[in-house]
Amino acid sequence: MPDQDQAELRLSAARLRQEHEDYDAAINAMIATGCDALRVQRMKKKKLAIKDKLVQIEDQIVPDIIA
């Protein structure tokens, strides 16, 4: 994989990690303020989707090596 593609994937992964952390903080704040449970569930679902995208990108960066 070319270095530029690798760098772009790493940048995308970093952005997704930050977004995942932001969702985590938002969810914790919503729970602390007693927000509607349905909204919290929706946020958790979005957070999980971000995590799934992050895992896919990380798999492209470091492919599985069968020894």
Protein backbone atom coordinates (compact mmCIF):
# COMPACT_ATOMS: atom_id res chain seq x y z
CA MET A 1 0.00 0.00 0.00
CA PRO A 2 1.44 3.40 -0.97
CA ASP A 3 2.58 5.68 1.84
CA GLN A 4 0.02 8.35 0.97
CA ASP A 5 -2.86 5.87 1.21
CA GLN A 6 -1.46 4.63 4.51
CA ALA A 7 -1.26 8.21 5.83
CA GLU A 8 -4.84 8.93 4.76
CA LEU A 9 -6.07 5.81 6.52
CA ARG A 10 -4.22 6.76 9.69
CA LEU A 11 -5.72 10.26 9.56
CA SER A 12 -9.22 8.84 9.07
CA ALA A 13 -8.66 6.47 11.99
CA ALA A 14 -7.54 9.34 14.22
CA ARG A 15 -10.63 11.37 13.30
CA LEU A 16 -12.91 8.44 14.02
CA ARG A 17 -11.21 7.80 17.37
CA GLN A 18 -11.80 11.42 18.33
CA GLU A 19 -15.42 11.27 17.19
CA HIS A 20 -15.90 8.05 19.17
CA GLU A 21 -14.52 9.75 22.30
CA ASP A 22 -16.78 12.75 21.71
CA TYR A 23 -19.84 10.50 21.48
CA ASP A 24 -18.75 8.75 24.68
CA ALA A 25 -18.51 12.06 26.53
CA ALA A 26 -21.86 13.19 25.16
CA ILE A 27 -23.53 9.94 26.19
CA ASN A 28 -22.12 10.20 29.70
CA ALA A 29 -23.37 13.78 29.96
CA MET A 30 -26.81 12.75 28.73
CA ILE A 31 -27.00 9.98 31.31
CA ALA A 32 -25.84 12.34 34.08
CA THR A 33 -28.55 14.87 33.24
CA GLY A 34 -31.26 12.23 33.05
CA CYS A 35 -31.90 12.50 29.33
CA ASP A 36 -34.48 10.33 27.58
CA ALA A 37 -33.35 6.69 27.37
CA LEU A 38 -34.30 6.47 23.69
CA ARG A 39 -31.97 9.34 22.79
CA VAL A 40 -29.16 7.70 24.75
CA GLN A 41 -29.75 4.44 22.86
CA ARG A 42 -29.61 6.26 19.53
CA MET A 43 -26.33 7.91 20.49
CA LYS A 44 -24.91 4.55 21.57
CA LYS A 45 -25.92 3.06 18.22
CA LYS A 46 -24.13 5.88 16.36
CA LYS A 47 -21.08 5.39 18.57
CA LEU A 48 -21.05 1.68 17.74
CA ALA A 49 -21.27 2.44 14.00
CA ILE A 50 -18.25 4.72 14.34
CA LYS A 51 -16.36 2.00 16.17
CA ASP A 52 -17.18 -0.46 13.39
CA LYS A 53 -15.81 1.95 10.76
CA LEU A 54 -12.71 2.46 12.88
CA VAL A 55 -12.08 -1.28 13.11
CA GLN A 56 -12.43 -1.62 9.33
CA ILE A 57 -9.88 1.13 8.74
CA GLU A 58 -7.48 -0.29 11.31
CA ASP A 59 -7.74 -3.68 9.60
CA GLN A 60 -6.68 -2.02 6.33
CA ILE A 61 -3.70 -0.39 8.04
CA VAL A 62 -2.51 -3.56 9.74
CA PRO A 63 -3.75 -6.61 7.81
CA ASP A 64 -4.00 -9.97 9.54
CA ILE A 65 -0.87 -12.05 9.05
CA ILE A 66 -1.29 -15.78 9.28
CA ALA A 67 1.89 -17.28 10.67
